[in-house]
Amino acid sequence: MSSFFIKKRVLSAAVNKGDLKRKSNADDGKGRSKKFSKRADEEISSDSENERTEPSRKQQDNEDDEIEETPQEKKLRLAKLYLDQLRDEEDKKAEEESFEADLIAGRLQDDLLEQKGKLQRMIAKDLIAPDPEEVRLLRGHKLSVTCLVITPDEKYIFSASKDCSIIKWEAESGKKVHKIAGGRKGTEERHVGHTAHVLCMAISSDGKYLASGDMNKLVMIWDPVTCKHLYKFVGHRGAVSGLAFRRGTHTLYSASHDRSIKVWSVDENAYVETLFGHQDMITGLDCLSRERCVTAGGRDRTVRVWKIAEESQLVFHGHEGSIDCVQLINEEHMVTGGDDGSISIWTVNKKKPVSTVKKAHGSHGNTGLEQPYWVSSVAALHNSDTVASGSHNSSLQLWKCGQGFRGLEPLFSIPVTGFVNSLKFSNSGKFLVAGVGQEHRLGRWWRIKEAKNGLYIIPLKRQAKEQEVVQ
């Protein structure tokens, strides 16, 4: 009975907490009532009350902190934060501007050196010889490939042949996109296309026009996208052996076996002028962005730089035989190859070659009657120190120009069977294309039966190093 009544009293105490407190406060003399009220308070307390007290303490602390900071101190603190933020933003902006300025300065310097013809990117030392399995062969021509061009965007390659046809290839896949068929002799009036050996091709720097020249003294203009025939230029009295567009324009230069160079405006479908000077048939022509072109004069053994605006020409001597090919490295340096087996580097400031490699592709024949392998084609990666040459000694050779274009050192050779009649580097230098045939592009002095008529696409890999630009 006593335990039941105690529990009942505790419950009643919990309900009437206020009364108990008041009683305990009133009756201070009774210790028992104090203990009883303390025990009741302990039974009623919960965790939720503790949680309520903790935030209240934090709020109190925050209020104390806010009270401690005066308005002037708060303004000063915010001002410092704002100044730090501004300083960080300005530092970041200055770093970005300096980086952009360095980039722009470097680009402007390269452009200036390129215009002066003194830009030489030293990339040859980083080139790695490709594996034979990586070299692709594109076949489609029935006879020897004589010339080729790569579009400025490097997506397509155009090749032409002694079978009078022009084929458009997709560079990445190697697929044949379009073929402009060649016609038979005597069908010139009704056939749209060439009816004689195509010896040379050129494409404008914007990819708008493709030009091709043949043994029938004709220059034909095509749309590279649709491969539709646009114009036909007539005027040469001999086979058209060289074509080049002036970079950034639609001015076309053509060279011929009639020993003349003609200037055409393709936009206006018009003839401009004729230049004379060579004493033998012209075998090659090249041009960059200046209003001038360079030609190889075959058996007159001269290289000539034609200054169109000044109506003057510079004459260079150095080869011992016929000069069969020429290519500009930059505006002031060029490379030539001839049937004396030598490769020469020239500068417009000197009448003689800066450097020459004799028997660049070796020699053939009986002992005592050795003859050097003819250099049938050369190519240069523009504004760099990398040059390539081709012959019919079953190999294609890459060369490194010395600093200031003094000296030629062999880099590596790539096995290619047949006459390398045409060579072209892509603008980026990622690959090299060789047009190969069983016969030389200008005649039939030899015939290599085991050779395959087609295009060899050679990838050019580089080691991961920074390029050096040398003035």
Protein backbone atom coordinates (compact mmCIF):
# COMPACT_ATOMS: atom_id res chain seq x y z
CA MET A 1 0.00 0.00 0.00
CA SER A 2 2.78 2.43 0.88
CA SER A 3 4.59 1.97 -2.52
CA PHE A 4 1.36 2.61 -4.43
CA PHE A 5 0.77 5.85 -2.59
CA ILE A 6 4.37 7.03 -3.17
CA LYS A 7 4.01 6.53 -6.97
CA LYS A 8 0.74 8.35 -6.92
CA ARG A 9 2.32 11.24 -5.10
CA VAL A 10 5.19 11.43 -7.62
CA LEU A 11 2.78 11.55 -10.57
CA SER A 12 0.75 14.23 -8.91
CA ALA A 13 3.97 16.12 -8.25
CA ALA A 14 4.86 15.96 -11.98
CA VAL A 15 1.48 17.33 -12.95
CA ASN A 16 1.48 20.05 -10.34
CA LYS A 17 5.08 21.11 -10.76
CA GLY A 18 4.37 24.75 -10.23
CA ASP A 19 2.54 24.04 -6.98
CA LEU A 20 5.38 21.89 -5.68
CA LYS A 21 7.91 24.60 -6.48
CA ARG A 22 5.83 27.16 -4.73
CA LYS A 23 5.40 24.87 -1.71
CA SER A 24 9.09 24.10 -1.59
CA ASN A 25 9.90 27.79 -1.74
CA ALA A 26 7.42 28.56 0.97
CA ASP A 27 8.47 25.78 3.25
CA ASP A 28 12.26 26.31 3.40
CA GLY A 29 12.56 24.61 6.77
CA LYS A 30 11.52 21.19 5.56
CA GLY A 31 14.47 19.29 3.99
CA ARG A 32 12.24 16.46 2.87
CA SER A 33 10.17 18.75 0.67
CA LYS A 34 13.35 20.16 -0.95
CA LYS A 35 14.62 16.67 -1.80
CA PHE A 36 11.25 15.69 -3.18
CA SER A 37 11.05 18.74 -5.48
CA LYS A 38 14.64 18.13 -6.70
CA ARG A 39 13.81 14.49 -7.57
CA ALA A 40 10.69 15.60 -9.46
CA ASP A 41 12.70 18.12 -11.50
CA GLU A 42 15.22 15.42 -12.44
CA GLU A 43 12.45 13.09 -13.65
CA ILE A 44 10.83 15.79 -15.86
CA SER A 45 14.02 17.03 -17.65
CA SER A 46 14.58 15.72 -21.27
CA ASP A 47 17.17 15.89 -24.12
CA SER A 48 15.09 18.37 -26.10
CA GLU A 49 15.58 20.95 -23.38
CA ASN A 50 19.37 20.47 -23.54
CA GLU A 51 19.28 20.97 -27.33
CA ARG A 52 17.35 24.17 -26.86
CA THR A 53 19.91 25.54 -24.43
CA GLU A 54 22.91 24.92 -26.75
CA PRO A 55 21.69 27.13 -29.67
CA SER A 56 20.73 29.78 -27.21
CA ARG A 57 24.33 29.81 -25.94
CA LYS A 58 25.70 30.09 -29.51
CA GLN A 59 23.29 32.92 -30.24
CA GLN A 60 24.43 34.59 -27.10
CA ASP A 61 28.11 34.21 -28.11
CA ASN A 62 27.41 35.61 -31.59
CA GLU A 63 25.54 38.50 -30.06
CA ASP A 64 28.50 39.14 -27.80
CA ASP A 65 30.86 39.15 -30.84
CA GLU A 66 28.60 41.53 -32.73
CA ILE A 67 28.41 43.73 -29.77
CA GLU A 68 32.20 43.72 -29.42
CA GLU A 69 32.77 44.93 -33.16
CA THR A 70 32.04 48.61 -33.58
CA PRO A 71 30.59 50.00 -36.86
CA GLN A 72 33.94 51.61 -37.71
CA GLU A 73 35.74 48.27 -37.26
CA LYS A 74 33.17 46.49 -39.42
CA LYS A 75 33.62 49.07 -42.21
CA LEU A 76 37.39 48.67 -42.00
CA ARG A 77 37.17 44.86 -42.17
CA LEU A 78 34.85 44.93 -45.20
CA ALA A 79 37.07 47.49 -46.93
CA LYS A 80 40.11 45.24 -46.43
CA LEU A 81 38.24 42.25 -47.85
CA TYR A 82 37.19 44.28 -50.87
CA LEU A 83 40.74 45.52 -51.47
CA ASP A 84 42.13 41.97 -51.21
CA GLN A 85 39.55 40.77 -53.72
CA LEU A 86 40.41 43.60 -56.12
CA ARG A 87 44.14 42.88 -55.76
CA ASP A 88 43.63 39.18 -56.56
CA GLU A 89 41.54 40.01 -59.62
CA GLU A 90 44.09 42.53 -60.90
CA ASP A 91 46.99 40.08 -60.39
CA LYS A 92 45.12 37.38 -62.31
CA LYS A 93 44.25 39.82 -65.09
CA ALA A 94 47.86 41.01 -65.32
CA GLU A 95 49.11 37.42 -65.61
CA GLU A 96 46.62 36.67 -68.41
CA GLU A 97 47.51 39.90 -70.24
CA SER A 98 51.24 39.22 -70.01
CA PHE A 99 50.70 35.67 -71.29
CA GLU A 100 48.61 36.95 -74.21
CA ALA A 101 51.18 39.68 -74.90
CA ASP A 102 53.96 37.08 -75.03
CA LEU A 103 51.90 34.95 -77.42
CA ILE A 104 51.11 37.92 -79.65
CA ALA A 105 54.72 39.11 -79.59
CA GLY A 106 55.93 35.65 -80.57
CA ARG A 107 53.39 35.41 -83.37
CA LEU A 108 54.28 38.88 -84.67
CA GLN A 109 57.96 38.03 -84.58
CA ASP A 110 57.33 34.84 -86.55
CA ASP A 111 55.22 36.76 -89.08
CA LEU A 112 57.94 39.39 -89.47
CA LEU A 113 60.65 36.78 -89.96
CA GLU A 114 58.41 34.92 -92.41
CA GLN A 115 57.90 38.08 -94.47
CA LYS A 116 61.63 38.74 -94.48
CA GLY A 117 62.25 35.14 -95.53
CA LYS A 118 64.38 34.44 -92.46
CA LEU A 119 62.08 32.20 -90.43
CA GLN A 120 63.51 28.74 -89.80
CA ARG A 121 61.71 26.43 -87.38
CA MET A 122 64.13 23.80 -86.12
CA ILE A 123 61.97 20.68 -86.20
CA ALA A 124 64.09 18.21 -88.15
CA LYS A 125 65.90 16.94 -85.06
CA ASP A 126 62.56 15.85 -83.56
CA LEU A 127 61.38 13.83 -86.56
CA ILE A 128 61.21 10.05 -86.21
CA ALA A 129 61.43 7.63 -89.13
CA PRO A 130 58.06 5.91 -89.67
CA ASP A 131 57.68 2.14 -89.66
CA PRO A 132 57.24 0.61 -93.15
CA GLU A 133 53.80 -0.66 -92.06
CA GLU A 134 52.64 2.92 -91.40
CA VAL A 135 53.30 4.04 -95.00
CA ARG A 136 50.10 3.78 -97.08
CA LEU A 137 49.90 3.24 -100.83
CA LEU A 138 46.91 4.61 -102.77
CA ARG A 139 46.45 3.05 -106.19
CA GLY A 140 44.12 4.26 -108.91
CA HIS A 141 46.20 5.55 -111.83
CA LYS A 142 47.01 3.25 -114.73
CA LEU A 143 50.28 5.03 -115.58
CA SER A 144 52.98 6.91 -113.67
CA VAL A 145 51.89 9.63 -111.24
CA THR A 146 53.48 12.90 -112.37
CA CYS A 147 52.27 15.51 -109.86
CA LEU A 148 50.13 16.06 -106.78
CA VAL A 149 48.79 18.78 -104.47
CA ILE A 150 47.38 18.75 -100.92
CA THR A 151 44.40 20.97 -100.05
CA PRO A 152 45.09 23.73 -97.47
CA ASP A 153 42.88 21.98 -94.88
CA GLU A 154 44.87 18.73 -95.48
CA LYS A 155 41.68 16.70 -95.94
CA TYR A 156 42.14 15.87 -99.63
CA ILE A 157 44.92 15.09 -102.08
CA PHE A 158 44.77 15.59 -105.85
CA SER A 159 47.02 13.50 -108.08
CA ALA A 160 47.54 13.48 -111.85
CA SER A 161 49.16 11.01 -114.17
CA LYS A 162 50.41 10.15 -117.62
CA ASP A 163 47.03 8.48 -118.16
CA CYS A 164 45.63 12.08 -118.40
CA SER A 165 43.36 11.62 -115.36
CA ILE A 166 43.08 13.57 -112.10
CA ILE A 167 41.96 11.77 -108.93
CA LYS A 168 40.73 13.35 -105.70
CA TRP A 169 41.58 11.30 -102.59
CA GLU A 170 40.52 11.55 -98.97
CA ALA A 171 43.77 11.86 -97.03
CA GLU A 172 42.69 10.19 -93.79
CA SER A 173 40.86 7.17 -95.18
CA GLY A 174 42.64 6.87 -98.53
CA LYS A 175 39.32 6.59 -100.36
CA LYS A 176 38.91 7.79 -103.93
CA VAL A 177 36.42 10.67 -103.84
CA HIS A 178 36.28 11.67 -107.51
CA LYS A 179 38.04 10.96 -110.78
CA ILE A 180 38.32 13.36 -113.72
CA ALA A 181 38.89 10.85 -116.50
CA GLY A 182 41.45 11.47 -119.20
CA GLY A 183 40.48 11.50 -122.86
CA ARG A 184 42.07 10.02 -125.94
CA LYS A 185 44.14 12.03 -128.37
CA GLY A 186 41.91 13.69 -130.93
CA THR A 187 38.92 14.11 -128.59
CA GLU A 188 39.97 17.57 -127.30
CA GLU A 189 36.87 19.36 -128.63
CA ARG A 190 34.25 17.15 -126.97
CA HIS A 191 36.13 15.79 -123.92
CA VAL A 192 36.03 17.79 -120.68
CA GLY A 193 39.46 17.20 -119.22
CA HIS A 194 43.00 16.46 -120.32
CA THR A 195 43.86 14.41 -123.40
CA ALA A 196 47.64 14.45 -122.84
CA HIS A 197 50.05 13.76 -119.97
CA VAL A 198 49.34 16.05 -117.00
CA LEU A 199 52.71 17.43 -115.83
CA CYS A 200 51.85 19.88 -113.04
CA MET A 201 49.14 21.05 -110.64
CA ALA A 202 48.58 23.87 -108.15
CA ILE A 203 45.86 24.81 -105.67
CA SER A 204 45.07 28.28 -104.31
CA SER A 205 45.75 29.01 -100.64
CA ASP A 206 42.00 29.35 -99.92
CA GLY A 207 41.19 26.10 -101.72
CA LYS A 208 38.91 27.81 -104.26
CA TYR A 209 40.75 26.93 -107.48
CA LEU A 210 42.71 23.94 -108.74
CA ALA A 211 44.95 24.38 -111.81
CA SER A 212 46.46 21.65 -113.99
CA GLY A 213 48.81 21.81 -116.98
CA ASP A 214 49.47 19.22 -119.68
CA MET A 215 51.60 18.32 -122.68
CA ASN A 216 48.95 19.85 -124.99
CA LYS A 217 50.01 23.39 -123.91
CA LEU A 218 46.78 23.86 -121.90
CA VAL A 219 46.12 25.16 -118.39
CA MET A 220 42.79 24.06 -116.95
CA ILE A 221 41.05 25.52 -113.90
CA TRP A 222 38.78 23.33 -111.73
CA ASP A 223 36.58 23.68 -108.65
CA PRO A 224 38.32 21.50 -106.03
CA VAL A 225 35.06 20.82 -104.15
CA THR A 226 32.89 19.63 -107.04
CA CYS A 227 35.70 18.85 -109.53
CA LYS A 228 33.80 20.79 -112.19
CA HIS A 229 35.69 22.41 -115.06
CA LEU A 230 35.72 26.22 -114.88
CA TYR A 231 38.19 27.74 -117.37
CA LYS A 232 40.79 26.84 -119.96
CA PHE A 233 43.87 29.04 -120.48
CA VAL A 234 45.49 28.89 -123.90
CA GLY A 235 48.67 30.71 -124.89
CA HIS A 236 51.75 28.58 -124.25
CA ARG A 237 53.56 27.17 -127.27
CA GLY A 238 54.98 24.19 -125.43
CA ALA A 239 54.07 21.71 -122.70
CA VAL A 240 53.06 23.36 -119.41
CA SER A 241 55.61 22.07 -116.88
CA GLY A 242 55.06 24.23 -113.79
CA LEU A 243 52.16 25.93 -111.99
CA ALA A 244 51.90 27.93 -108.76
CA PHE A 245 49.36 30.26 -107.13
CA ARG A 246 50.61 33.31 -105.30
CA ARG A 247 49.64 32.78 -101.66
CA GLY A 248 46.64 34.80 -100.50
CA THR A 249 45.62 35.66 -104.08
CA HIS A 250 44.20 34.03 -107.21
CA THR A 251 47.17 35.06 -109.36
CA LEU A 252 48.52 32.03 -111.22
CA TYR A 253 52.02 31.59 -112.64
CA SER A 254 52.62 29.00 -115.36
CA ALA A 255 55.95 27.79 -116.80
CA SER A 256 56.40 25.97 -120.07
CA HIS A 257 58.81 24.13 -122.34
CA ASP A 258 58.50 27.20 -124.60
CA ARG A 259 60.94 28.88 -122.13
CA SER A 260 58.40 31.46 -120.94
CA ILE A 261 56.44 32.20 -117.75
CA LYS A 262 52.90 33.53 -118.02
CA VAL A 263 50.87 35.36 -115.37
CA TRP A 264 47.10 34.81 -115.19
CA SER A 265 44.26 36.28 -113.11
CA VAL A 266 41.96 33.35 -112.39
CA ASP A 267 39.24 35.50 -110.80
CA GLU A 268 38.87 37.49 -114.02
CA ASN A 269 39.64 34.51 -116.30
CA ALA A 270 42.29 36.69 -117.90
CA TYR A 271 45.88 36.64 -119.17
CA VAL A 272 48.15 39.28 -117.60
CA GLU A 273 51.70 39.09 -119.03
CA THR A 274 54.57 36.90 -120.24
CA LEU A 275 58.13 36.76 -118.89
CA PHE A 276 61.14 35.66 -120.93
CA GLY A 277 64.72 34.84 -119.98
CA HIS A 278 65.45 31.12 -119.85
CA GLN A 279 67.53 29.58 -122.65
CA ASP A 280 66.02 26.10 -122.39
CA MET A 281 62.70 24.53 -121.44
CA ILE A 282 61.57 25.32 -117.89
CA THR A 283 61.17 22.21 -115.73
CA GLY A 284 59.82 23.60 -112.45
CA LEU A 285 58.21 26.64 -110.81
CA ASP A 286 57.27 27.72 -107.29
CA CYS A 287 55.88 30.79 -105.53
CA LEU A 288 54.95 31.97 -102.02
CA SER A 289 53.31 35.23 -100.89
CA ARG A 290 55.64 37.82 -102.46
CA GLU A 291 54.97 39.06 -105.98
CA ARG A 292 57.73 36.92 -107.41
CA CYS A 293 58.31 33.35 -108.52
CA VAL A 294 61.29 31.02 -108.90
CA THR A 295 61.94 28.72 -111.86
CA ALA A 296 64.34 25.92 -112.81
CA GLY A 297 65.68 26.24 -116.35
CA GLY A 298 66.54 22.66 -117.19
CA ARG A 299 69.63 22.43 -119.38
CA ASP A 300 70.45 26.12 -119.28
CA ARG A 301 71.60 25.21 -115.72
CA THR A 302 70.12 28.34 -114.14
CA VAL A 303 67.67 29.09 -111.38
CA ARG A 304 65.87 32.39 -111.82
CA VAL A 305 63.91 34.55 -109.39
CA TRP A 306 61.38 36.71 -111.24
CA LYS A 307 60.47 40.04 -109.61
CA ILE A 308 57.13 40.72 -111.28
CA ALA A 309 56.56 44.27 -110.04
CA GLU A 310 60.12 45.42 -110.80
CA GLU A 311 60.13 43.57 -114.15
CA SER A 312 63.54 42.13 -113.35
CA GLN A 313 65.09 38.74 -112.70
CA LEU A 314 67.94 37.26 -110.66
CA VAL A 315 70.02 34.51 -112.27
CA PHE A 316 71.75 31.75 -110.25
CA HIS A 317 74.29 29.18 -111.45
CA GLY A 318 75.58 26.08 -109.67
CA HIS A 319 74.44 22.72 -111.07
CA GLU A 320 76.57 20.73 -113.49
CA GLY A 321 73.58 19.27 -115.35
CA SER A 322 69.90 19.87 -116.00
CA ILE A 323 67.99 21.38 -113.07
CA ASP A 324 64.77 19.35 -112.94
CA CYS A 325 62.98 20.59 -109.82
CA VAL A 326 62.83 23.60 -107.50
CA GLN A 327 60.97 24.42 -104.27
CA LEU A 328 60.95 27.49 -102.01
CA ILE A 329 61.77 26.90 -98.32
CA ASN A 330 60.85 30.47 -97.37
CA GLU A 331 60.78 33.80 -99.20
CA GLU A 332 64.57 33.99 -99.48
CA HIS A 333 65.76 30.36 -99.59
CA MET A 334 65.10 27.50 -102.02
CA VAL A 335 66.16 23.94 -102.77
CA THR A 336 66.85 22.42 -106.20
CA GLY A 337 67.64 18.99 -107.61
CA GLY A 338 69.10 17.95 -110.95
CA ASP A 339 70.17 15.08 -113.15
CA ASP A 340 73.76 15.54 -111.92
CA GLY A 341 72.52 13.85 -108.71
CA SER A 342 73.06 16.90 -106.51
CA ILE A 343 70.78 18.82 -104.17
CA SER A 344 71.52 22.52 -103.56
CA ILE A 345 70.28 25.13 -101.09
CA TRP A 346 70.19 28.72 -102.36
CA THR A 347 69.62 32.18 -100.93
CA VAL A 348 68.50 35.12 -103.05
CA ASN A 349 71.49 37.12 -101.79
CA LYS A 350 74.11 34.86 -103.41
CA LYS A 351 74.53 33.74 -107.01
CA LYS A 352 76.02 30.38 -105.97
CA PRO A 353 74.49 27.67 -103.76
CA VAL A 354 74.91 28.07 -100.01
CA SER A 355 75.36 24.29 -99.71
CA THR A 356 75.38 21.33 -102.12
CA VAL A 357 75.25 17.57 -101.63
CA LYS A 358 76.60 15.67 -104.64
CA LYS A 359 75.37 12.16 -105.46
CA ALA A 360 72.62 12.68 -102.89
CA HIS A 361 70.97 9.38 -103.81
CA GLY A 362 74.12 7.47 -104.75
CA SER A 363 75.18 6.24 -108.18
CA HIS A 364 74.57 3.27 -110.48
CA GLY A 365 76.28 1.60 -113.43
CA ASN A 366 79.43 -0.43 -114.07
CA THR A 367 82.69 0.33 -112.33
CA GLY A 368 84.33 3.33 -113.92
CA LEU A 369 81.09 4.28 -115.69
CA GLU A 370 79.02 5.18 -112.67
CA GLN A 371 76.25 7.69 -113.16
CA PRO A 372 74.52 9.48 -110.27
CA TYR A 373 70.84 8.83 -109.67
CA TRP A 374 68.83 11.78 -111.00
CA VAL A 375 67.06 13.86 -108.37
CA SER A 376 63.57 13.88 -109.86
CA SER A 377 61.73 15.79 -107.11
CA VAL A 378 62.32 17.94 -104.03
CA ALA A 379 60.02 19.31 -101.33
CA ALA A 380 60.46 21.66 -98.39
CA LEU A 381 58.38 22.12 -95.26
CA HIS A 382 57.84 25.88 -95.44
CA ASN A 383 59.73 28.03 -92.91
CA SER A 384 61.51 25.04 -91.40
CA ASP A 385 64.80 23.14 -91.67
CA THR A 386 63.27 20.00 -93.22
CA VAL A 387 63.73 19.04 -96.88
CA ALA A 388 62.87 15.86 -98.82
CA SER A 389 64.19 14.53 -102.14
CA GLY A 390 63.24 11.67 -104.42
CA SER A 391 64.93 9.67 -107.16
CA HIS A 392 64.63 6.13 -108.56
CA ASN A 393 67.09 4.42 -106.21
CA SER A 394 64.25 2.79 -104.21
CA SER A 395 64.42 5.30 -101.37
CA LEU A 396 63.05 8.69 -100.45
CA GLN A 397 65.48 10.84 -98.43
CA LEU A 398 64.76 13.42 -95.73
CA TRP A 399 67.35 16.10 -94.95
CA LYS A 400 68.06 18.57 -92.19
CA CYS A 401 69.26 22.06 -93.14
CA GLY A 402 71.93 23.54 -90.91
CA GLN A 403 71.41 26.76 -89.02
CA GLY A 404 71.08 29.61 -91.49
CA PHE A 405 70.50 26.98 -94.21
CA ARG A 406 74.21 26.20 -94.34
CA GLY A 407 74.83 22.51 -94.84
CA LEU A 408 72.58 19.52 -95.46
CA GLU A 409 72.59 16.45 -93.24
CA PRO A 410 70.69 13.22 -94.05
CA LEU A 411 67.99 12.41 -91.48
CA PHE A 412 66.53 9.07 -92.62
CA SER A 413 65.35 7.35 -95.78
CA ILE A 414 62.04 5.66 -96.56
CA PRO A 415 61.93 2.69 -98.97
CA VAL A 416 59.93 3.58 -102.10
CA THR A 417 60.30 1.62 -105.35
CA GLY A 418 60.01 3.57 -108.60
CA PHE A 419 60.48 7.14 -109.81
CA VAL A 420 59.49 9.67 -107.15
CA ASN A 421 58.06 12.25 -109.55
CA SER A 422 56.44 14.56 -107.02
CA LEU A 423 56.78 15.33 -103.31
CA LYS A 424 54.62 17.51 -101.07
CA PHE A 425 54.61 18.21 -97.32
CA SER A 426 51.29 18.98 -95.64
CA ASN A 427 51.10 22.52 -94.23
CA SER A 428 51.24 21.25 -90.66
CA GLY A 429 54.12 18.87 -91.42
CA LYS A 430 52.16 15.87 -90.15
CA PHE A 431 52.64 13.85 -93.32
CA LEU A 432 54.52 13.73 -96.62
CA VAL A 433 52.99 12.53 -99.90
CA ALA A 434 55.04 11.05 -102.74
CA GLY A 435 53.77 10.55 -106.28
CA VAL A 436 55.49 7.46 -107.69
CA GLY A 437 55.55 5.84 -111.12
CA GLN A 438 57.36 3.31 -113.24
CA GLU A 439 58.69 6.12 -115.46
CA HIS A 440 60.15 9.61 -115.07
CA ARG A 441 57.50 12.32 -115.42
CA LEU A 442 59.26 14.00 -118.37
CA GLY A 443 60.22 10.94 -120.43
CA ARG A 444 60.78 7.21 -120.73
CA TRP A 445 64.53 6.84 -120.27
CA TRP A 446 64.01 3.90 -117.89
CA ARG A 447 61.09 1.73 -116.85
CA ILE A 448 61.00 0.08 -113.43
CA LYS A 449 58.54 -2.79 -113.88
CA GLU A 450 58.34 -3.74 -110.19
CA ALA A 451 57.26 -0.21 -109.22
CA LYS A 452 53.60 0.55 -108.45
CA ASN A 453 51.95 3.66 -109.87
CA GLY A 454 50.33 5.49 -106.98
CA LEU A 455 50.62 7.77 -103.95
CA TYR A 456 52.64 6.97 -100.84
CA ILE A 457 51.36 8.76 -97.70
CA ILE A 458 54.18 8.90 -95.16
CA PRO A 459 53.35 10.00 -91.57
CA LEU A 460 55.94 12.23 -89.91
CA LYS A 461 56.09 11.66 -86.16
CA ARG A 462 57.84 14.02 -83.78
CA GLN A 463 59.34 13.68 -80.36
CA ALA A 464 57.58 15.72 -77.70
CA LYS A 465 59.90 18.73 -77.58
CA GLU A 466 59.48 22.48 -77.96
CA GLN A 467 60.26 23.96 -81.36
CA GLU A 468 63.12 26.40 -81.68
CA VAL A 469 62.82 29.41 -83.95
CA VAL A 470 66.11 30.66 -85.31
CA GLN A 471 66.62 33.97 -87.11
